[in-house]
Protein backbone atom coordinates (compact mmCIF):
# COMPACT_ATOMS: atom_id res chain seq x y z
CA LEU A 1 121.50 102.28 87.37
CA CYS A 2 119.72 105.93 86.25
CA ALA A 3 116.99 103.87 85.06
CA GLY A 4 116.61 101.86 88.32
CA ILE A 5 116.11 105.39 89.95
CA LEU A 6 113.76 106.74 87.98
CA PHE A 7 111.45 103.66 87.75
CA SER A 8 111.52 103.74 91.55
CA THR A 9 110.58 107.31 92.10
CA LEU A 10 107.37 106.53 89.69
CA VAL A 11 106.43 103.48 92.38
CA PHE A 12 106.85 106.10 94.96
CA GLY A 13 103.78 107.63 93.80
CA PRO A 14 101.25 104.92 94.20
CA ALA A 15 102.31 104.21 97.72
CA CYS A 16 101.88 108.02 99.21
CA GLY A 17 98.56 107.85 96.99
CA PHE A 18 97.53 104.18 98.51
CA ILE A 19 98.38 106.27 102.20
CA LEU A 20 96.08 109.53 101.19
CA GLY A 21 93.48 107.19 100.02
CA SER A 22 93.66 105.77 103.78
CA LEU A 23 92.88 108.66 105.28
CA CYS A 24 90.54 110.30 102.87
CA THR A 25 87.85 107.25 103.12
CA LYS A 26 88.19 108.08 107.46
CA PHE A 27 86.44 111.41 106.77
CA TYR A 28 82.48 110.87 105.85
CA VAL A 29 81.50 111.85 101.86
CA ASP A 30 79.46 114.75 103.02
CA ALA A 31 81.73 115.50 106.11
CA ILE A 32 81.25 119.21 105.44
CA PHE A 33 77.88 119.98 105.39
CA ILE A 34 76.10 116.99 108.27
CA ASP A 35 77.30 117.30 111.18
CA THR A 36 79.25 113.12 111.32
CA SER A 37 78.46 112.25 114.89
CA LYS A 38 74.86 112.45 114.39
CA LEU A 39 75.46 109.49 111.19
CA GLY A 40 75.31 106.52 113.72
CA ILE A 41 78.22 104.72 112.23
CA THR A 42 82.02 104.57 112.35
CA PRO A 43 84.26 104.11 109.02
CA ASP A 44 84.36 100.45 110.10
CA ASP A 45 81.05 99.98 109.00
CA PRO A 46 80.21 98.72 105.95
CA ARG A 47 77.19 101.33 104.97
CA TRP A 48 80.98 103.81 105.30
CA ILE A 49 81.59 106.26 102.56
CA GLY A 50 85.06 107.64 103.06
CA ALA A 51 85.46 111.30 101.35
CA TRP A 52 87.12 109.81 97.50
CA TRP A 53 87.16 113.05 96.05
CA PHE A 54 89.31 115.25 98.27
CA GLY A 55 92.41 112.90 96.98
CA PHE A 56 92.01 114.24 93.26
CA LEU A 57 91.73 117.59 94.93
CA LEU A 58 94.55 117.60 96.26
CA CYS A 59 96.80 115.65 93.72
CA GLY A 60 95.28 118.27 91.28
CA ALA A 61 96.86 120.71 93.20
CA LEU A 62 99.36 119.66 93.32
CA LEU A 63 100.23 119.16 89.47
CA PHE A 64 99.26 122.57 89.31
CA CYS A 65 101.90 123.91 91.09
CA SER A 66 104.28 121.60 90.19
CA ALA A 67 103.92 122.30 86.54
CA LEU A 68 104.28 125.74 87.03
CA PHE A 69 108.17 124.48 87.60
CA MET A 70 108.91 123.50 84.22
CA PHE A 71 108.58 126.75 82.91
CA GLY A 72 111.55 127.51 83.85
CA PHE A 73 113.67 125.67 81.99
CA PRO A 74 115.10 127.00 78.95
CA HIS A 75 113.98 126.25 75.45
CA SER A 76 116.39 123.91 74.53
CA LEU A 77 118.63 122.56 76.94
CA PRO A 78 122.69 122.15 76.32
CA THR A 79 124.35 118.97 75.09
CA ARG A 80 127.39 117.32 76.42
CA GLU A 81 129.76 118.50 74.03
CA LYS A 82 128.94 122.69 75.45
CA GLU A 83 128.78 121.31 78.97
CA GLY A 84 132.77 119.99 78.25
CA GLY A 85 134.22 116.52 79.23
CA GLY A 86 133.82 113.39 77.79
CA GLY A 87 132.30 110.12 79.03
CA GLY A 88 132.35 106.88 78.65
CA GLN A 89 128.93 106.53 76.37
CA ARG A 90 129.88 109.73 74.22
CA ALA A 91 133.58 108.44 73.69
CA ARG A 92 132.27 105.02 72.41
CA TYR A 93 129.75 106.94 70.03
CA ALA A 94 131.89 109.49 69.50
CA SER A 95 132.15 107.94 65.69
CA SER A 96 128.69 107.32 64.52
CA SER A 97 128.73 111.25 63.88
CA SER A 98 130.40 110.71 60.70
CA GLN A 99 128.37 108.01 59.92
CA PRO A 100 126.07 108.29 56.54
CA ARG A 101 123.45 106.99 59.40
CA SER A 102 123.56 110.58 61.14
CA LEU A 103 121.05 113.00 60.33
CA PRO A 104 122.21 115.27 57.73
CA THR A 105 121.98 119.06 59.35
CA ALA A 106 119.99 122.13 57.63
CA PRO A 107 122.61 123.88 55.52
CA PRO A 108 123.42 127.66 56.71
CA ALA A 109 121.28 129.46 53.55
CA VAL A 110 117.63 128.18 55.05
CA SER A 111 116.13 129.92 57.40
CA SER A 112 114.77 128.63 60.46
CA SER A 113 111.39 129.07 60.32
CA GLU A 114 111.99 127.27 56.52
CA SER A 115 113.96 124.64 58.89
CA ASN A 116 110.95 124.11 60.98
CA ALA A 117 108.61 123.89 58.65
CA GLN A 118 110.31 120.95 56.60
CA LEU A 119 111.15 118.93 59.62
CA CYS A 120 107.13 119.21 60.83
CA ILE A 121 106.24 117.58 56.88
CA SER A 122 109.25 115.15 56.87
CA VAL A 123 108.50 113.55 60.84
CA PRO A 124 104.97 112.23 60.06
CA LEU A 125 106.33 110.21 57.09
CA VAL A 126 109.64 109.38 59.07
CA ILE A 127 107.47 107.56 62.23
CA PRO A 128 105.35 104.44 59.79
CA LYS A 129 109.41 103.64 58.94
CA VAL A 130 110.99 103.43 61.72
CA THR A 131 108.73 101.82 64.16
CA LYS A 132 107.78 99.15 61.28
CA HIS A 133 111.48 99.20 61.21
CA LEU A 134 111.77 98.55 65.52
CA LEU A 135 108.86 96.06 64.72
CA SER A 136 110.55 94.10 62.14
CA ASN A 137 113.06 93.27 64.82
CA PRO A 138 111.63 90.34 67.00
CA VAL A 139 114.33 90.77 69.93
CA PHE A 140 112.90 94.17 70.34
CA THR A 141 109.40 93.32 69.60
CA CYS A 142 109.62 89.95 72.26
CA ILE A 143 111.02 92.03 75.04
CA ILE A 144 108.32 95.12 74.54
CA LEU A 145 105.74 92.12 74.68
CA ALA A 146 107.40 90.64 77.72
CA ALA A 147 107.65 93.74 79.43
CA CYS A 148 103.74 94.39 78.19
CA MET A 149 103.21 91.44 79.79
CA GLU A 150 104.80 92.22 83.23
CA ILE A 151 103.14 95.53 83.45
CA ALA A 152 99.61 93.82 82.84
CA VAL A 153 100.48 91.83 86.34
CA VAL A 154 100.96 94.74 88.21
CA ALA A 155 97.81 96.62 86.55
CA GLY A 156 95.31 94.23 86.78
CA PHE A 157 96.35 92.42 89.99
CA ALA A 158 97.48 95.88 91.85
CA ALA A 159 94.01 97.19 90.74
CA PHE A 160 92.02 95.09 92.34
CA LEU A 161 94.49 94.24 95.34
CA GLY A 162 92.94 96.36 97.92
CA LYS A 163 89.49 94.87 97.18
CA TYR A 164 90.49 91.29 97.55
CA LEU A 165 92.05 92.10 101.05
CA GLU A 166 88.97 93.27 101.95
CA GLN A 167 86.95 90.00 100.70
CA GLN A 168 89.36 87.45 101.18
CA PHE A 169 90.62 88.24 104.76
CA ASN A 170 87.42 90.79 106.16
CA LEU A 171 89.73 93.91 106.03
CA THR A 172 87.92 97.34 105.77
CA THR A 173 89.04 99.97 102.92
CA THR A 174 91.26 102.07 105.52
CA SER A 175 93.04 99.04 106.65
CA ALA A 176 93.54 97.01 103.11
CA ASN A 177 94.62 101.05 101.33
CA GLN A 178 96.82 101.46 104.01
CA LEU A 179 98.86 98.15 104.62
CA LEU A 180 99.32 98.27 100.27
CA GLY A 181 100.90 102.07 100.69
CA MET A 182 103.16 100.66 104.06
CA THR A 183 104.43 97.12 102.21
CA ALA A 184 103.42 95.71 98.98
CA ILE A 185 104.02 99.98 96.99
CA PRO A 186 107.81 100.15 98.82
CA CYS A 187 108.77 96.79 98.42
CA ALA A 188 108.18 97.08 94.49
CA CYS A 189 109.93 100.53 94.52
CA LEU A 190 113.54 98.95 96.26
CA GLY A 191 113.30 96.65 93.93
CA ILE A 192 113.19 98.23 91.05
CA PHE A 193 115.95 100.41 92.16
CA MET A 194 118.18 97.05 93.53
CA GLY A 195 117.79 95.82 89.83
CA GLY A 196 119.42 98.36 88.58
CA LEU A 197 122.35 98.75 90.56
CA LEU A 198 122.69 94.68 89.97
CA VAL A 199 122.89 95.76 86.53
CA LYS A 200 125.56 97.88 86.75
CA LYS A 201 127.66 96.37 89.79
CA LEU A 202 127.19 92.71 88.00
CA ASN A 203 128.22 94.68 84.13
CA LEU A 204 125.63 92.50 82.79
CA SER A 205 125.45 92.24 79.20
CA ALA A 206 122.26 91.63 76.92
CA LEU A 207 121.86 87.80 77.69
CA GLY A 208 122.86 88.43 81.64
CA ALA A 209 120.34 90.64 81.82
CA ILE A 210 118.33 88.38 79.57
CA ARG A 211 118.89 86.05 82.32
CA MET A 212 118.53 88.26 85.41
CA ALA A 213 115.35 88.60 83.64
CA MET A 214 113.83 85.40 83.53
CA LEU A 215 115.10 84.56 87.06
CA VAL A 216 112.85 87.05 89.05
CA ASN A 217 109.95 85.60 86.64
CA LEU A 218 110.37 82.19 88.19
CA ILE A 219 110.40 83.56 91.52
CA SER A 220 107.49 86.23 91.53
CA THR A 221 105.51 83.69 89.63
CA ALA A 222 106.32 81.09 92.16
CA CYS A 223 105.06 83.16 95.36
CA TYR A 224 102.06 84.10 92.78
CA VAL A 225 101.57 80.43 92.75
CA SER A 226 101.59 80.47 96.34
CA PHE A 227 98.83 82.56 96.98
CA LEU A 228 96.01 80.03 95.86
CA PHE A 229 96.36 78.42 99.46
CA LEU A 230 96.54 81.61 100.84
CA GLY A 231 93.10 82.60 101.99
CA CYS A 232 89.85 82.61 103.36
CA ASP A 233 86.40 80.84 102.47
CA THR A 234 83.20 82.65 102.05
CA GLY A 235 81.82 81.15 104.93
CA PRO A 236 78.51 80.09 105.84
CA VAL A 237 75.24 83.07 104.73
CA ALA A 238 72.08 82.75 105.98
CA GLY A 239 69.46 82.43 102.30
CA VAL A 240 73.35 82.60 99.97
CA THR A 241 75.45 78.89 100.59
CA ILE A 242 72.94 77.47 103.48
CA SER A 243 69.08 77.97 103.86
CA TYR A 244 66.59 79.46 106.07
CA ASP A 245 64.73 76.71 107.60
CA ASN A 246 65.97 73.70 105.78
CA ARG A 247 64.84 76.01 102.40
CA SER A 248 66.02 75.41 99.56
CA VAL A 249 68.67 78.13 98.15
CA SER A 250 68.55 80.52 95.01
CA VAL A 251 71.85 82.13 94.43
CA GLY A 252 71.19 85.47 93.02
CA ARG A 253 67.79 85.68 94.34
CA ILE A 254 66.46 87.40 97.66
CA PRO A 255 66.21 85.08 100.79
CA GLU A 256 62.56 84.13 102.06
CA ALA A 257 62.54 82.78 105.49
CA GLN A 258 59.35 83.19 108.30
CA CYS A 259 61.97 84.76 110.80
CA PHE A 260 61.81 87.80 109.15
CA SER A 261 59.00 87.80 106.82
CA HIS A 262 57.46 91.25 108.69
CA CYS A 263 60.46 93.24 108.09
CA SER A 264 60.15 93.90 104.39
CA CYS A 265 63.90 93.67 103.31
CA PHE A 266 64.97 95.10 100.92
CA ASN A 267 68.44 93.94 98.33
CA SER A 268 69.35 97.98 97.83
CA THR A 269 70.45 98.17 101.63
CA ILE A 270 73.08 95.40 102.16
CA SER A 271 75.10 95.86 104.92
CA PRO A 272 76.35 92.02 106.38
CA VAL A 273 75.91 91.31 110.33
CA CYS A 274 77.17 87.77 112.42
CA GLY A 275 74.89 86.56 114.56
CA SER A 276 76.14 84.93 118.01
CA ASN A 277 74.88 81.38 116.31
CA GLY A 278 78.31 82.06 113.80
CA LEU A 279 76.47 83.09 110.43
CA THR A 280 76.61 85.61 108.91
CA TYR A 281 73.44 87.37 107.60
CA LEU A 282 73.29 89.87 104.23
CA SER A 283 71.82 92.29 106.91
CA ALA A 284 69.95 93.54 109.87
CA CYS A 285 67.09 93.19 108.66
CA PHE A 286 67.46 89.54 106.89
CA ALA A 287 68.26 88.29 110.55
CA GLY A 288 65.40 90.13 111.80
CA CYS A 289 66.87 92.36 114.43
CA THR A 290 64.71 94.88 115.63
CA SER A 291 66.48 97.08 118.29
CA ARG A 292 70.44 98.54 118.20
CA ASN A 293 72.33 99.51 120.60
CA SER A 294 74.67 101.55 120.92
CA GLN A 295 77.88 101.03 122.73
CA ALA A 296 81.05 102.79 123.45
CA PRO A 297 84.05 100.45 124.51
CA THR A 298 85.38 100.96 127.89
CA GLY A 299 89.24 102.18 128.64
CA ARG A 300 89.31 103.97 125.82
CA SER A 301 88.08 107.69 124.63
CA GLY A 302 87.37 108.23 121.32
CA SER A 303 87.15 104.93 119.81
CA SER A 304 84.42 103.48 117.95
CA ILE A 305 81.33 103.10 118.97
CA THR A 306 80.12 99.16 118.81
CA GLN A 307 76.96 98.82 116.97
CA ASN A 308 75.06 95.62 119.24
CA LEU A 309 71.88 94.03 117.29
CA SER A 310 69.74 92.40 119.51
CA GLY A 311 65.72 90.51 119.04
CA CYS A 312 67.19 89.19 116.07
CA SER A 313 64.55 86.53 115.04
CA CYS A 314 66.86 84.25 112.41
CA VAL A 315 69.69 84.06 114.65
CA SER A 316 68.45 82.06 118.04
CA ALA A 317 64.76 81.80 119.63
CA ASP A 318 66.21 82.38 122.83
CA SER A 319 66.24 86.49 123.05
CA GLU A 320 70.18 86.47 125.08
CA LEU A 321 71.44 84.88 122.31
CA ALA A 322 69.41 86.66 119.26
CA THR A 323 72.55 89.53 118.78
CA ALA A 324 74.46 90.09 116.04
CA LEU A 325 77.61 92.53 115.06
CA PRO A 326 78.05 94.41 112.04
CA GLY A 327 80.21 92.85 109.48
CA LYS A 328 81.28 88.81 108.11
CA CYS A 329 81.47 86.79 110.46
CA PRO A 330 85.71 85.72 110.53
CA MET A 331 86.74 82.50 109.28
CA PRO A 332 89.55 80.41 111.69
CA GLY A 333 93.12 80.90 109.97
CA CYS A 334 91.96 83.52 108.51
CA ARG A 335 94.49 86.19 110.31
CA GLU A 336 97.26 83.85 110.05
CA ALA A 337 96.95 83.25 106.42
CA PHE A 338 96.43 87.03 106.15
CA LEU A 339 100.36 87.64 107.84
CA ILE A 340 101.60 84.70 105.28
CA PHE A 341 99.98 86.30 102.31
CA LEU A 342 101.23 90.37 103.33
CA CYS A 343 104.89 88.44 103.96
CA VAL A 344 104.70 86.83 100.56
CA VAL A 345 103.33 89.75 98.70
CA CYS A 346 106.30 92.15 99.65
CA VAL A 347 108.75 89.34 98.49
CA CYS A 348 106.86 89.07 95.24
CA SER A 349 106.96 93.19 94.25
CA LEU A 350 110.77 93.40 96.01
CA VAL A 351 111.62 90.60 93.13
CA GLY A 352 109.16 91.21 90.52
CA ALA A 353 110.02 94.42 90.28
CA MET A 354 113.52 93.94 89.69
CA ALA A 355 113.08 93.10 86.39
CA GLN A 356 111.97 96.42 84.97
CA THR A 357 115.30 97.14 84.71
CA PRO A 358 117.12 94.80 82.85
CA SER A 359 114.01 94.72 80.13
CA VAL A 360 114.86 98.70 79.77
CA ILE A 361 118.57 97.99 79.26
CA ILE A 362 118.11 95.30 76.66
CA LEU A 363 115.36 96.76 74.91
CA ILE A 364 118.26 100.18 74.57
CA ARG A 365 121.30 97.76 73.48
CA THR A 366 119.34 96.02 70.60
CA VAL A 367 118.73 98.81 68.63
CA SER A 368 120.70 102.13 66.89
CA PRO A 369 121.76 104.69 68.80
CA GLU A 370 120.17 107.36 66.86
CA LEU A 371 116.77 105.28 66.90
CA LYS A 372 116.82 104.88 71.33
CA SER A 373 115.15 107.97 72.29
CA TYR A 374 111.94 106.64 70.06
CA ALA A 375 112.45 103.10 70.83
CA LEU A 376 111.55 104.15 74.64
CA GLY A 377 108.63 106.00 73.78
CA VAL A 378 107.33 102.82 72.07
CA LEU A 379 108.13 101.27 74.77
CA PHE A 380 105.94 103.34 77.05
CA LEU A 381 103.20 104.09 74.49
CA LEU A 382 102.54 99.95 73.82
CA LEU A 383 102.79 99.44 77.71
CA ARG A 384 99.79 101.81 78.31
CA LEU A 385 98.00 100.45 75.35
CA LEU A 386 99.01 97.06 76.18
CA GLY A 387 99.73 96.99 79.91
CA PHE A 388 97.46 99.18 81.41
CA ILE A 389 94.22 99.31 79.68
CA PRO A 390 92.95 96.12 78.98
CA PRO A 391 94.25 94.25 82.05
CA PRO A 392 91.80 95.69 84.22
CA LEU A 393 88.62 95.49 82.43
CA ILE A 394 89.65 91.60 81.90
CA PHE A 395 90.45 90.90 85.42
CA GLY A 396 87.04 93.16 86.64
CA ALA A 397 84.94 91.06 84.45
CA ALA A 398 86.40 87.86 85.54
CA ILE A 399 86.19 88.85 89.17
CA ASP A 400 82.78 89.63 88.85
CA SER A 401 81.91 86.45 87.21
CA THR A 402 82.07 84.79 90.83
CA CYS A 403 79.50 87.31 92.53
CA LEU A 404 77.56 85.40 94.62
CA PHE A 405 74.86 88.00 95.13
CA TRP A 406 74.11 91.44 93.33
CA SER A 407 72.75 94.25 95.49
CA SER A 408 70.06 96.19 93.46
CA ASP A 409 68.70 99.80 92.90
CA CYS A 410 65.17 100.40 91.20
CA GLY A 411 65.48 97.15 89.72
CA SER A 412 69.54 97.11 87.81
CA ARG A 413 71.80 95.77 89.49
CA GLY A 414 74.00 97.41 91.81
CA ALA A 415 77.25 96.03 93.02
CA CYS A 416 78.24 92.83 94.54
CA VAL A 417 77.83 92.35 98.00
CA LEU A 418 78.83 88.71 98.55
CA TYR A 419 81.60 86.97 96.56
CA ASN A 420 82.98 82.95 95.76
CA ASN A 421 85.97 83.52 97.95
CA VAL A 422 87.58 80.30 96.59
CA SER A 423 86.74 80.83 93.47
CA TYR A 424 87.32 84.49 93.38
CA ARG A 425 90.94 83.75 94.97
CA HIS A 426 91.45 80.97 91.78
CA LEU A 427 90.46 82.95 89.19
CA TYR A 428 92.70 86.09 90.60
CA VAL A 429 95.78 84.39 91.10
CA SER A 430 95.38 82.70 87.90
CA LEU A 431 95.27 85.16 85.90
CA ALA A 432 98.42 86.79 86.70
CA ILE A 433 100.36 83.41 86.78
CA THR A 434 99.61 83.32 83.13
CA LEU A 435 100.35 86.44 82.26
CA LYS A 436 103.81 85.65 84.38
CA GLY A 437 104.12 82.37 82.00
CA VAL A 438 103.85 84.22 78.77
CA ALA A 439 106.12 87.12 79.94
CA PHE A 440 108.92 84.17 80.36
CA LEU A 441 108.17 82.66 77.41
CA LEU A 442 109.33 86.04 75.39
CA TYR A 443 111.88 86.31 78.01
CA THR A 444 113.20 82.54 76.53
CA THR A 445 112.74 83.24 72.79
CA THR A 446 114.80 87.03 73.51
CA TRP A 447 117.39 84.99 74.72
CA TYR A 448 117.33 82.37 72.39
CA LEU A 449 117.08 85.39 69.35
CA THR A 450 119.79 87.17 71.39
CA GLN A 451 122.55 84.30 71.83
CA GLU A 452 121.81 83.03 68.23
CA LEU A 453 122.49 86.97 66.96
CA GLN A 454 125.85 87.48 69.15
CA GLU A 455 126.55 83.83 67.73
CA ALA A 456 126.12 85.03 64.24
CA SER A 457 127.66 88.22 64.50
CA ARG A 458 131.37 85.93 66.06
CA LEU A 459 131.21 83.94 63.01
CA GLN A 460 131.18 86.87 60.90
CA THR A 461 134.21 88.05 63.05
CA LEU A 462 135.84 85.06 62.36
CA LEU A 463 134.77 85.06 58.69
CA SER A 464 136.37 88.41 58.33
CA ILE A 465 139.68 87.28 59.94
CA GLU A 466 140.44 84.54 58.02
CA THR A 467 139.78 86.42 55.04
CA GLN A 468 142.43 88.85 55.78
CA TYR A 469 144.90 86.45 55.88
CA ILE A 470 144.25 84.18 52.49
């Protein structure tokens, strides 16, 4: 239960971070130095750049203030024996202090400075041996690798989930961050707590905890499989997925058409617009638009200004129909798919996070008591090396491979402005499913090895009892 509470509070931070990020993006990046009312764009405009730097300043200040309280802790915390009282955990390992494997105490004649010097010399020599001893335990190694695979899914999938919502369901950055901060991450926080609570209430053994981890892994994998079918297509984009005036389409190149040949369009300023004909254009320039009209919605004071583009010769030859609006054209059925996707994400976050506490419980129960602290240190080290660093790089490279059109700046490649949504969805989700599958195989191996060890221990106990009666 304590592990569940600890890990659930760790997830609470990212939830606040997503909400803070959504608030920061509502302010323009240079709002301190310029008058944003004269920009002519709103946070809903694709050209809007939010105040991304404000979150770093605020979080840095909070970290500094919270670190000051650490100076209030004593040089060493009192041991449980000094506090008095006997707990079940202390009583269980009370006899371990008399075992040969307990750490020897320093002789009284040795001064504290000499003892610290000897400790500083001996610890670096012992670390490789202890690490080799832990990693030679197949159960320990398998459960750590399984935990790394689970974290890799979170680190890779969640890192680009906001971008995924923007591309698949045509959401703004602010809306995507708000939804993630208020739905998926709190569900993950609740799932971690529930995992620890179930382990305590059901009094699960090592095998029971492994079975629980396998079950929640299968359920969360099924949720990821459903993501393959929940999304929106890219839709028709003039000059990229469909041609102008029956011309051939060259993927990645600047579109060419007679209707905007007089505009001198560049792909360094890409801001998609939706024409009245249902086609998406890379920008107002590529749609041949000549004028822009700002219109405030009636009946709502303080609401965002709508930018209406007119004179768009590529949209229609009729001047009344030659209009466009900022943003991509919406796809039919996309709203319904998004609502289902959001519900499944909440379920997946809730169930998938329940495997974290059982994994830690299994790890603690597979090592000797004096190595538990070091084993947890090895776990968190490998989680960061294998679970948090490579996955975002792999997911990012896979997402970039589905790009249909890149912007350019001074001859160098810029950011991707248009993706193949179907390829994006299939590749993005398939990577997560693959990692989940590897984690399930490692859980299965851990279950098999633990069962074999318990069976061998039971047979050894029976043989020792029979030997006593012979």
